[in-house]
Amino acid sequence: MSSQLQSSQSQPLALSSIAEWTDERVAEIYLARSTAKAKQAIEDLFSPHVKASLNGRSITRAQIDQLLLGMRSTEEGDLGFYWTDLVDVSGDPKTHRNGALGGVYIITGLQLPHPETGKLVPSFRRKCVAIKVESQSEDLSIDSRKITEFTTIAYNYPMDQLEALEKKRAGLVDQHKVTPRL
């Protein structure tokens, strides 16, 4: 039995890339079908001692939980989520146990006060994040990755502005395409 335990601990687990891991874990928070599942997804993603900031101000792990769970308008959540940009770098491309990621994503399904009228309206949040991911264990047979550093900038918009902002972004991409010279 102890030889089986030793062999399982010595076999490195093949891990997904930092981007794949982050995408899956973040989606589990926003798309969770219950508050309990969202809470567990937050536990699985963030280190208890994460160093974090939101819009330039330091925040605690408890504040992260409160902010993420506070977006849920119902027990079921009813949020949408997708990345618009994502860049990751693995500290070790063979294992993906540690690394960094930067990206921008959109959260839909929010009900927030309109900036001019104060009336609750369907809204979305655009978030830019920079994170550091580190394994929490030396055991290579388990995936113990968690976010240890987290910086985010977030802003809310009325939902009717999403299509216009996405078209503007796509237009900028088209405008700045460079064709390599041969």
N, C-alpha and C. Protein backbone atom coordinates (compact mmCIF):
# COMPACT_ATOMS: atom_id res chain seq x y z
N MET A 1 0.83 -1.20 0.00
CA MET A 1 0.00 0.00 0.00
C MET A 1 0.86 1.25 0.00
N SER A 2 1.90 1.28 0.86
CA SER A 2 2.74 2.48 0.91
C SER A 2 3.51 2.68 -0.39
N SER A 3 3.86 1.59 -1.10
CA SER A 3 4.54 1.76 -2.39
C SER A 3 3.58 2.33 -3.43
N GLN A 4 2.28 1.97 -3.35
CA GLN A 4 1.31 2.57 -4.26
C GLN A 4 1.16 4.05 -3.97
N LEU A 5 1.14 4.42 -2.71
CA LEU A 5 1.02 5.82 -2.33
C LEU A 5 2.23 6.60 -2.81
N GLN A 6 3.42 6.04 -2.64
CA GLN A 6 4.63 6.71 -3.08
C GLN A 6 4.64 6.87 -4.60
N SER A 7 4.22 5.83 -5.32
CA SER A 7 4.26 5.93 -6.78
C SER A 7 3.24 6.95 -7.28
N SER A 8 2.07 7.05 -6.62
CA SER A 8 1.10 8.05 -7.06
C SER A 8 1.59 9.46 -6.78
N GLN A 9 2.33 9.64 -5.68
CA GLN A 9 2.85 10.96 -5.37
C GLN A 9 4.02 11.33 -6.28
N SER A 10 4.73 10.35 -6.79
CA SER A 10 5.89 10.66 -7.62
C SER A 10 5.52 10.87 -9.09
N GLN A 11 4.31 10.48 -9.49
CA GLN A 11 3.88 10.66 -10.87
C GLN A 11 3.33 12.07 -11.04
N PRO A 12 4.03 12.92 -11.79
CA PRO A 12 3.52 14.29 -11.98
C PRO A 12 2.18 14.27 -12.73
N LEU A 13 1.26 15.05 -12.25
CA LEU A 13 -0.03 15.20 -12.89
C LEU A 13 0.11 16.14 -14.08
N ALA A 14 -0.43 15.75 -15.23
CA ALA A 14 -0.40 16.62 -16.41
C ALA A 14 -1.44 17.73 -16.19
N LEU A 15 -0.96 18.96 -16.13
CA LEU A 15 -1.84 20.09 -15.84
C LEU A 15 -2.16 20.88 -17.10
N SER A 16 -3.34 21.47 -17.12
CA SER A 16 -3.73 22.36 -18.21
C SER A 16 -2.90 23.64 -18.13
N SER A 17 -2.92 24.43 -19.20
CA SER A 17 -2.19 25.70 -19.21
C SER A 17 -2.79 26.64 -18.17
N ILE A 18 -2.04 27.67 -17.83
CA ILE A 18 -2.53 28.68 -16.88
C ILE A 18 -3.81 29.31 -17.41
N ALA A 19 -3.87 29.60 -18.73
CA ALA A 19 -5.08 30.20 -19.32
C ALA A 19 -6.27 29.26 -19.22
N GLU A 20 -6.08 27.99 -19.56
CA GLU A 20 -7.18 27.02 -19.50
C GLU A 20 -7.67 26.86 -18.06
N TRP A 21 -6.73 26.75 -17.13
CA TRP A 21 -7.08 26.60 -15.72
C TRP A 21 -7.88 27.81 -15.23
N THR A 22 -7.38 29.01 -15.55
CA THR A 22 -8.05 30.24 -15.11
C THR A 22 -9.44 30.36 -15.72
N ASP A 23 -9.55 30.11 -17.02
CA ASP A 23 -10.84 30.20 -17.70
C ASP A 23 -11.86 29.27 -17.04
N GLU A 24 -11.46 28.04 -16.80
CA GLU A 24 -12.36 27.07 -16.19
C GLU A 24 -12.77 27.50 -14.77
N ARG A 25 -11.81 27.93 -13.98
CA ARG A 25 -12.09 28.29 -12.58
C ARG A 25 -12.95 29.56 -12.47
N VAL A 26 -12.66 30.56 -13.29
CA VAL A 26 -13.44 31.80 -13.24
C VAL A 26 -14.87 31.53 -13.71
N ALA A 27 -15.01 30.74 -14.78
CA ALA A 27 -16.35 30.39 -15.26
C ALA A 27 -17.16 29.68 -14.17
N GLU A 28 -16.50 28.83 -13.38
CA GLU A 28 -17.20 28.12 -12.31
C GLU A 28 -17.81 29.09 -11.30
N ILE A 29 -17.19 30.23 -11.10
CA ILE A 29 -17.74 31.23 -10.17
C ILE A 29 -18.97 31.91 -10.78
N TYR A 30 -18.80 32.47 -11.97
CA TYR A 30 -19.88 33.26 -12.56
C TYR A 30 -21.05 32.42 -13.06
N LEU A 31 -20.79 31.20 -13.49
CA LEU A 31 -21.84 30.36 -14.06
C LEU A 31 -22.42 29.37 -13.05
N ALA A 32 -21.98 29.43 -11.80
CA ALA A 32 -22.47 28.52 -10.76
C ALA A 32 -23.99 28.63 -10.64
N ARG A 33 -24.63 27.47 -10.49
CA ARG A 33 -26.09 27.44 -10.41
C ARG A 33 -26.62 27.61 -8.98
N SER A 34 -25.71 27.82 -8.03
CA SER A 34 -26.13 28.10 -6.66
C SER A 34 -25.05 28.93 -5.97
N THR A 35 -25.44 29.63 -4.93
CA THR A 35 -24.48 30.41 -4.17
C THR A 35 -23.44 29.51 -3.52
N ALA A 36 -23.85 28.34 -3.04
CA ALA A 36 -22.91 27.41 -2.41
C ALA A 36 -21.84 26.97 -3.40
N LYS A 37 -22.23 26.69 -4.64
CA LYS A 37 -21.25 26.29 -5.66
C LYS A 37 -20.33 27.45 -6.02
N ALA A 38 -20.87 28.65 -6.05
CA ALA A 38 -20.04 29.83 -6.32
C ALA A 38 -19.02 30.04 -5.20
N LYS A 39 -19.46 29.87 -3.95
CA LYS A 39 -18.54 30.00 -2.81
C LYS A 39 -17.41 28.98 -2.90
N GLN A 40 -17.75 27.73 -3.25
CA GLN A 40 -16.73 26.69 -3.37
C GLN A 40 -15.77 27.02 -4.51
N ALA A 41 -16.29 27.54 -5.61
CA ALA A 41 -15.43 27.91 -6.74
C ALA A 41 -14.46 29.03 -6.35
N ILE A 42 -14.90 29.96 -5.54
CA ILE A 42 -14.02 31.03 -5.05
C ILE A 42 -12.92 30.43 -4.18
N GLU A 43 -13.30 29.51 -3.29
CA GLU A 43 -12.32 28.81 -2.43
C GLU A 43 -11.27 28.09 -3.27
N ASP A 44 -11.73 27.46 -4.36
CA ASP A 44 -10.83 26.69 -5.22
C ASP A 44 -9.88 27.58 -6.02
N LEU A 45 -10.27 28.83 -6.26
CA LEU A 45 -9.49 29.73 -7.11
C LEU A 45 -8.48 30.57 -6.34
N PHE A 46 -8.88 31.13 -5.22
CA PHE A 46 -8.03 32.10 -4.51
C PHE A 46 -7.35 31.50 -3.29
N SER A 47 -6.08 31.84 -3.13
CA SER A 47 -5.36 31.51 -1.90
C SER A 47 -6.01 32.27 -0.74
N PRO A 48 -6.04 31.69 0.45
CA PRO A 48 -6.61 32.41 1.60
C PRO A 48 -5.86 33.71 1.90
N HIS A 49 -4.60 33.78 1.50
CA HIS A 49 -3.77 34.95 1.79
C HIS A 49 -3.44 35.74 0.52
N VAL A 50 -4.37 35.74 -0.44
CA VAL A 50 -4.14 36.43 -1.71
C VAL A 50 -3.87 37.92 -1.46
N LYS A 51 -2.94 38.46 -2.21
CA LYS A 51 -2.67 39.90 -2.20
C LYS A 51 -3.48 40.48 -3.36
N ALA A 52 -4.44 41.35 -3.06
CA ALA A 52 -5.39 41.77 -4.09
C ALA A 52 -5.66 43.26 -4.07
N SER A 53 -6.04 43.78 -5.26
CA SER A 53 -6.49 45.17 -5.35
C SER A 53 -7.59 45.28 -6.40
N LEU A 54 -8.48 46.23 -6.18
CA LEU A 54 -9.58 46.54 -7.09
C LEU A 54 -9.56 48.03 -7.35
N ASN A 55 -9.44 48.39 -8.61
CA ASN A 55 -9.41 49.80 -9.02
C ASN A 55 -8.41 50.62 -8.21
N GLY A 56 -7.25 50.01 -7.93
CA GLY A 56 -6.17 50.71 -7.25
C GLY A 56 -6.19 50.68 -5.74
N ARG A 57 -7.22 50.06 -5.15
CA ARG A 57 -7.32 49.97 -3.69
C ARG A 57 -7.13 48.53 -3.23
N SER A 58 -6.36 48.34 -2.18
CA SER A 58 -6.17 47.00 -1.63
C SER A 58 -7.49 46.46 -1.10
N ILE A 59 -7.72 45.17 -1.34
CA ILE A 59 -8.91 44.50 -0.81
C ILE A 59 -8.49 43.19 -0.16
N THR A 60 -9.31 42.73 0.77
CA THR A 60 -9.04 41.48 1.47
C THR A 60 -9.69 40.31 0.75
N ARG A 61 -9.33 39.12 1.16
CA ARG A 61 -9.95 37.92 0.60
C ARG A 61 -11.45 37.92 0.88
N ALA A 62 -11.84 38.34 2.08
CA ALA A 62 -13.27 38.40 2.42
C ALA A 62 -14.00 39.38 1.51
N GLN A 63 -13.37 40.49 1.15
CA GLN A 63 -13.99 41.47 0.24
C GLN A 63 -14.11 40.89 -1.17
N ILE A 64 -13.13 40.10 -1.59
CA ILE A 64 -13.24 39.43 -2.90
C ILE A 64 -14.49 38.55 -2.91
N ASP A 65 -14.65 37.73 -1.87
CA ASP A 65 -15.82 36.85 -1.78
C ASP A 65 -17.11 37.67 -1.85
N GLN A 66 -17.16 38.74 -1.06
CA GLN A 66 -18.35 39.59 -1.00
C GLN A 66 -18.66 40.21 -2.37
N LEU A 67 -17.64 40.71 -3.04
CA LEU A 67 -17.84 41.34 -4.36
C LEU A 67 -18.33 40.33 -5.39
N LEU A 68 -17.71 39.16 -5.42
CA LEU A 68 -18.09 38.15 -6.42
C LEU A 68 -19.48 37.60 -6.15
N LEU A 69 -19.79 37.31 -4.91
CA LEU A 69 -21.11 36.78 -4.58
C LEU A 69 -22.19 37.85 -4.68
N GLY A 70 -21.83 39.11 -4.47
CA GLY A 70 -22.78 40.21 -4.53
C GLY A 70 -23.33 40.48 -5.92
N MET A 71 -22.67 39.98 -6.95
CA MET A 71 -23.17 40.18 -8.32
C MET A 71 -24.36 39.29 -8.63
N ARG A 72 -24.53 38.24 -7.85
CA ARG A 72 -25.60 37.28 -8.11
C ARG A 72 -26.95 37.89 -7.70
N SER A 73 -27.82 38.11 -8.67
CA SER A 73 -29.12 38.72 -8.35
C SER A 73 -30.11 37.69 -7.82
N THR A 74 -29.84 36.41 -8.07
CA THR A 74 -30.70 35.33 -7.57
C THR A 74 -29.80 34.21 -7.04
N GLU A 75 -30.40 33.28 -6.33
CA GLU A 75 -29.66 32.11 -5.84
C GLU A 75 -29.03 31.35 -7.01
N GLU A 76 -29.75 31.29 -8.14
CA GLU A 76 -29.25 30.57 -9.31
C GLU A 76 -28.16 31.33 -10.05
N GLY A 77 -28.03 32.62 -9.79
CA GLY A 77 -26.97 33.40 -10.41
C GLY A 77 -27.38 34.12 -11.67
N ASP A 78 -27.68 33.37 -12.72
CA ASP A 78 -28.09 33.94 -14.00
C ASP A 78 -27.10 34.95 -14.58
N LEU A 79 -25.81 34.67 -14.43
CA LEU A 79 -24.78 35.54 -14.99
C LEU A 79 -24.21 34.91 -16.25
N GLY A 80 -23.73 35.76 -17.15
CA GLY A 80 -22.98 35.31 -18.32
C GLY A 80 -21.54 35.76 -18.16
N PHE A 81 -20.65 35.12 -18.90
CA PHE A 81 -19.22 35.42 -18.74
C PHE A 81 -18.48 35.00 -20.00
N TYR A 82 -17.59 35.89 -20.50
CA TYR A 82 -16.69 35.50 -21.59
C TYR A 82 -15.47 36.40 -21.60
N TRP A 83 -14.35 35.83 -22.05
CA TRP A 83 -13.08 36.56 -22.19
C TRP A 83 -13.07 37.28 -23.53
N THR A 84 -12.55 38.50 -23.56
CA THR A 84 -12.30 39.18 -24.83
C THR A 84 -10.82 39.14 -25.19
N ASP A 85 -9.96 39.06 -24.19
CA ASP A 85 -8.51 38.97 -24.39
C ASP A 85 -7.92 38.15 -23.26
N LEU A 86 -6.89 37.37 -23.57
CA LEU A 86 -6.28 36.51 -22.56
C LEU A 86 -4.84 36.21 -22.96
N VAL A 87 -3.91 36.48 -22.05
CA VAL A 87 -2.48 36.20 -22.28
C VAL A 87 -1.96 35.50 -21.03
N ASP A 88 -1.30 34.34 -21.22
CA ASP A 88 -0.74 33.66 -20.07
C ASP A 88 0.71 33.27 -20.33
N VAL A 89 1.46 33.18 -19.26
CA VAL A 89 2.85 32.74 -19.32
C VAL A 89 3.05 31.74 -18.19
N SER A 90 3.55 30.57 -18.55
CA SER A 90 3.82 29.55 -17.55
C SER A 90 5.24 29.71 -17.03
N GLY A 91 5.40 29.60 -15.72
CA GLY A 91 6.74 29.64 -15.13
C GLY A 91 7.57 28.46 -15.58
N ASP A 92 6.92 27.35 -15.88
CA ASP A 92 7.56 26.15 -16.40
C ASP A 92 6.59 25.53 -17.41
N PRO A 93 6.84 25.73 -18.71
CA PRO A 93 5.91 25.24 -19.73
C PRO A 93 5.67 23.73 -19.69
N LYS A 94 6.56 22.97 -19.06
CA LYS A 94 6.37 21.52 -18.97
C LYS A 94 5.33 21.14 -17.92
N THR A 95 5.25 21.91 -16.84
CA THR A 95 4.34 21.53 -15.75
C THR A 95 3.16 22.48 -15.57
N HIS A 96 3.29 23.74 -15.94
CA HIS A 96 2.23 24.75 -15.76
C HIS A 96 1.82 24.91 -14.29
N ARG A 97 2.71 24.60 -13.37
CA ARG A 97 2.37 24.66 -11.94
C ARG A 97 2.34 26.09 -11.42
N ASN A 98 3.06 26.99 -12.05
CA ASN A 98 3.12 28.39 -11.63
C ASN A 98 3.10 29.26 -12.88
N GLY A 99 2.60 30.47 -12.76
CA GLY A 99 2.60 31.36 -13.91
C GLY A 99 1.85 32.65 -13.65
N ALA A 100 1.62 33.36 -14.74
CA ALA A 100 0.92 34.65 -14.66
C ALA A 100 -0.06 34.74 -15.82
N LEU A 101 -1.07 35.57 -15.63
CA LEU A 101 -2.09 35.73 -16.65
C LEU A 101 -2.61 37.16 -16.60
N GLY A 102 -2.90 37.70 -17.77
CA GLY A 102 -3.56 38.98 -17.89
C GLY A 102 -4.70 38.83 -18.87
N GLY A 103 -5.80 39.52 -18.64
CA GLY A 103 -6.91 39.39 -19.56
C GLY A 103 -8.02 40.37 -19.26
N VAL A 104 -8.96 40.39 -20.19
CA VAL A 104 -10.15 41.22 -20.06
C VAL A 104 -11.35 40.31 -20.28
N TYR A 105 -12.35 40.44 -19.40
CA TYR A 105 -13.56 39.66 -19.61
C TYR A 105 -14.80 40.49 -19.30
N ILE A 106 -15.92 39.98 -19.76
CA ILE A 106 -17.23 40.63 -19.62
C ILE A 106 -18.12 39.73 -18.77
N ILE A 107 -18.83 40.34 -17.83
CA ILE A 107 -19.83 39.64 -17.03
C ILE A 107 -21.18 40.26 -17.38
N THR A 108 -22.12 39.45 -17.82
CA THR A 108 -23.46 39.94 -18.16
C THR A 108 -24.47 39.39 -17.15
N GLY A 109 -25.68 39.92 -17.22
CA GLY A 109 -26.74 39.45 -16.34
C GLY A 109 -26.85 40.25 -15.05
N LEU A 110 -26.15 41.37 -14.97
CA LEU A 110 -26.17 42.19 -13.76
C LEU A 110 -27.36 43.15 -13.79
N GLN A 111 -27.88 43.48 -12.63
CA GLN A 111 -28.91 44.52 -12.48
C GLN A 111 -28.29 45.61 -11.62
N LEU A 112 -27.95 46.74 -12.25
CA LEU A 112 -27.24 47.81 -11.53
C LEU A 112 -27.90 49.16 -11.80
N PRO A 113 -27.69 50.13 -10.90
CA PRO A 113 -28.25 51.46 -11.14
C PRO A 113 -27.65 52.11 -12.38
N HIS A 114 -28.51 52.69 -13.21
CA HIS A 114 -28.05 53.42 -14.39
C HIS A 114 -27.25 54.64 -13.91
N PRO A 115 -26.11 54.96 -14.56
CA PRO A 115 -25.28 56.06 -14.08
C PRO A 115 -25.97 57.43 -14.10
N GLU A 116 -26.99 57.60 -14.94
CA GLU A 116 -27.67 58.89 -15.02
C GLU A 116 -28.98 58.93 -14.25
N THR A 117 -29.76 57.83 -14.33
CA THR A 117 -31.10 57.84 -13.73
C THR A 117 -31.14 57.18 -12.35
N GLY A 118 -30.19 56.33 -12.05
CA GLY A 118 -30.20 55.59 -10.78
C GLY A 118 -31.14 54.41 -10.78
N LYS A 119 -31.95 54.26 -11.84
CA LYS A 119 -32.89 53.15 -11.95
C LYS A 119 -32.13 51.86 -12.27
N LEU A 120 -32.56 50.73 -11.64
CA LEU A 120 -31.92 49.45 -11.94
C LEU A 120 -32.18 49.06 -13.39
N VAL A 121 -31.11 48.75 -14.10
CA VAL A 121 -31.20 48.36 -15.50
C VAL A 121 -30.28 47.17 -15.75
N PRO A 122 -30.59 46.37 -16.79
CA PRO A 122 -29.66 45.30 -17.16
C PRO A 122 -28.30 45.91 -17.48
N SER A 123 -27.24 45.31 -16.94
CA SER A 123 -25.90 45.89 -17.05
C SER A 123 -24.86 44.80 -17.28
N PHE A 124 -23.65 45.25 -17.61
CA PHE A 124 -22.52 44.34 -17.70
C PHE A 124 -21.32 44.99 -17.05
N ARG A 125 -20.37 44.17 -16.68
CA ARG A 125 -19.13 44.64 -16.06
C ARG A 125 -17.97 44.18 -16.94
N ARG A 126 -17.10 45.13 -17.28
CA ARG A 126 -15.86 44.81 -18.01
C ARG A 126 -14.75 44.80 -16.97
N LYS A 127 -14.00 43.69 -16.93
CA LYS A 127 -12.92 43.55 -15.95
C LYS A 127 -11.60 43.25 -16.65
N CYS A 128 -10.58 43.94 -16.22
CA CYS A 128 -9.21 43.66 -16.65
C CYS A 128 -8.51 43.07 -15.43
N VAL A 129 -7.86 41.92 -15.60
CA VAL A 129 -7.19 41.27 -14.48
C VAL A 129 -5.74 40.96 -14.80
N ALA A 130 -4.91 41.00 -13.78
CA ALA A 130 -3.54 40.51 -13.84
C ALA A 130 -3.38 39.63 -12.60
N ILE A 131 -2.99 38.37 -12.82
CA ILE A 131 -2.91 37.45 -11.69
C ILE A 131 -1.60 36.68 -11.69
N LYS A 132 -1.24 36.23 -10.51
CA LYS A 132 -0.11 35.33 -10.33
C LYS A 132 -0.69 34.03 -9.77
N VAL A 133 -0.32 32.91 -10.39
CA VAL A 133 -0.81 31.60 -9.99
C VAL A 133 0.37 30.80 -9.45
N GLU A 134 0.17 30.18 -8.28
CA GLU A 134 1.23 29.37 -7.69
C GLU A 134 0.66 28.09 -7.11
N SER A 135 1.42 27.00 -7.25
CA SER A 135 1.05 25.74 -6.60
C SER A 135 1.16 25.92 -5.10
N GLN A 136 0.25 25.30 -4.39
CA GLN A 136 0.22 25.41 -2.93
C GLN A 136 0.83 24.17 -2.27
N SER A 137 1.29 23.22 -3.09
CA SER A 137 1.86 21.99 -2.56
C SER A 137 3.05 21.56 -3.42
N GLU A 138 3.99 20.88 -2.81
CA GLU A 138 5.13 20.32 -3.53
C GLU A 138 4.77 18.99 -4.20
N ASP A 139 3.61 18.42 -3.85
CA ASP A 139 3.18 17.13 -4.39
C ASP A 139 2.79 17.31 -5.86
N LEU A 140 3.57 16.72 -6.76
CA LEU A 140 3.33 16.87 -8.19
C LEU A 140 2.15 16.03 -8.69
N SER A 141 1.58 15.19 -7.83
CA SER A 141 0.47 14.34 -8.25
C SER A 141 -0.89 15.02 -8.07
N ILE A 142 -0.90 16.25 -7.55
CA ILE A 142 -2.16 16.98 -7.38
C ILE A 142 -2.06 18.37 -8.01
N ASP A 143 -3.20 18.91 -8.38
CA ASP A 143 -3.26 20.28 -8.90
C ASP A 143 -3.63 21.18 -7.72
N SER A 144 -2.64 21.87 -7.19
CA SER A 144 -2.86 22.72 -6.02
C SER A 144 -2.75 24.20 -6.36
N ARG A 145 -2.92 24.54 -7.65
CA ARG A 145 -2.76 25.93 -8.07
C ARG A 145 -3.86 26.82 -7.48
N LYS A 146 -3.43 28.02 -7.09
CA LYS A 146 -4.37 29.05 -6.62
C LYS A 146 -3.82 30.42 -7.01
N ILE A 147 -4.69 31.39 -7.09
CA ILE A 147 -4.27 32.76 -7.34
C ILE A 147 -3.71 33.32 -6.04
N THR A 148 -2.45 33.80 -6.11
CA THR A 148 -1.80 34.37 -4.92
C THR A 148 -1.69 35.89 -5.00
N GLU A 149 -1.75 36.43 -6.22
CA GLU A 149 -1.76 37.88 -6.41
C GLU A 149 -2.81 38.19 -7.47
N PHE A 150 -3.58 39.26 -7.23
CA PHE A 150 -4.74 39.56 -8.07
C PHE A 150 -4.94 41.07 -8.13
N THR A 151 -4.81 41.62 -9.32
CA THR A 151 -5.08 43.04 -9.53
C THR A 151 -6.18 43.13 -10.58
N THR A 152 -7.23 43.88 -10.28
CA THR A 152 -8.31 44.02 -11.24
C THR A 152 -8.77 45.47 -11.33
N ILE A 153 -9.18 45.82 -12.52
CA ILE A 153 -9.82 47.11 -12.78
C ILE A 153 -11.17 46.75 -13.38
N ALA A 154 -12.23 47.28 -12.81
CA ALA A 154 -13.57 46.92 -13.25
C ALA A 154 -14.44 48.15 -13.37
N TYR A 155 -15.33 48.13 -14.37
CA TYR A 155 -16.26 49.24 -14.55
C TYR A 155 -17.58 48.68 -15.06
N ASN A 156 -18.68 49.25 -14.60
CA ASN A 156 -20.02 48.81 -14.99
C ASN A 156 -20.58 49.71 -16.08
N TYR A 157 -21.34 49.10 -16.99
CA TYR A 157 -22.00 49.81 -18.09
C TYR A 157 -23.43 49.30 -18.23
N PRO A 158 -24.36 50.16 -18.67
CA PRO A 158 -25.69 49.67 -19.03
C PRO A 158 -25.56 48.68 -20.19
N MET A 159 -26.38 47.65 -20.20
CA MET A 159 -26.29 46.58 -21.20
C MET A 159 -26.41 47.11 -22.63
N ASP A 160 -27.17 48.18 -22.82
CA ASP A 160 -27.36 48.69 -24.18
C ASP A 160 -26.06 49.24 -24.78
N GLN A 161 -25.02 49.39 -23.99
CA GLN A 161 -23.73 49.88 -24.51
C GLN A 161 -22.78 48.75 -24.92
N LEU A 162 -23.11 47.50 -24.59
CA LEU A 162 -22.19 46.39 -24.86
C LEU A 162 -21.91 46.22 -26.35
N GLU A 163 -22.95 46.18 -27.16
CA GLU A 163 -22.75 45.96 -28.59
C GLU A 163 -21.89 47.07 -29.20
N ALA A 164 -22.16 48.32 -28.84
CA ALA A 164 -21.38 49.44 -29.39
C ALA A 164 -19.91 49.36 -28.96
N LEU A 165 -19.65 49.00 -27.70
CA LEU A 165 -18.27 48.88 -27.23
C LEU A 165 -17.53 47.74 -27.92
N GLU A 166 -18.22 46.62 -28.13
CA GLU A 166 -17.58 45.48 -28.80
C GLU A 166 -17.32 45.81 -30.28
N LYS A 167 -18.24 46.53 -30.93
CA LYS A 167 -18.01 46.94 -32.33
C LYS A 167 -16.82 47.89 -32.42
N LYS A 168 -16.72 48.80 -31.47
CA LYS A 168 -15.60 49.74 -31.46
C LYS A 168 -14.28 48.99 -31.30
N ARG A 169 -14.26 48.02 -30.39
CA ARG A 169 -13.05 47.22 -30.17
C ARG A 169 -12.68 46.45 -31.43
N ALA A 170 -13.66 45.83 -32.08
CA ALA A 170 -13.40 45.09 -33.32
C ALA A 170 -12.90 46.03 -34.41
N GLY A 171 -13.44 47.23 -34.46
CA GLY A 171 -12.98 48.22 -35.44
C GLY A 171 -11.54 48.61 -35.22
N LEU A 172 -11.15 48.76 -33.97
CA LEU A 172 -9.75 49.09 -33.65
C LEU A 172 -8.81 47.96 -34.06
N VAL A 173 -9.25 46.73 -33.86
CA VAL A 173 -8.43 45.58 -34.28
C VAL A 173 -8.24 45.62 -35.79
N ASP A 174 -9.33 45.83 -36.53
CA ASP A 174 -9.23 45.91 -37.99
C ASP A 174 -8.36 47.08 -38.43
N GLN A 175 -8.51 48.21 -37.79
CA GLN A 175 -7.77 49.42 -38.15
C GLN A 175 -6.26 49.25 -37.97
N HIS A 176 -5.87 48.49 -36.98
CA HIS A 176 -4.45 48.39 -36.65
C HIS A 176 -3.80 47.08 -37.08
N LYS A 177 -4.47 46.33 -37.95
CA LYS A 177 -3.86 45.12 -38.49
C LYS A 177 -2.66 45.52 -39.34
N VAL A 178 -1.61 44.77 -39.20
CA VAL A 178 -0.41 45.02 -40.00
C VAL A 178 -0.13 43.75 -40.80
N THR A 179 -0.02 43.91 -42.09
CA THR A 179 0.30 42.78 -42.95
C THR A 179 1.81 42.70 -43.09
N PRO A 180 2.39 41.55 -42.76
CA PRO A 180 3.86 41.42 -42.88
C PRO A 180 4.32 41.61 -44.32
N ARG A 181 5.44 42.29 -44.46
CA ARG A 181 6.02 42.47 -45.79
C ARG A 181 6.83 41.23 -46.13
N LEU A 182 6.71 40.80 -47.34
CA LEU A 182 7.46 39.61 -47.78
C LEU A 182 8.70 39.99 -48.54
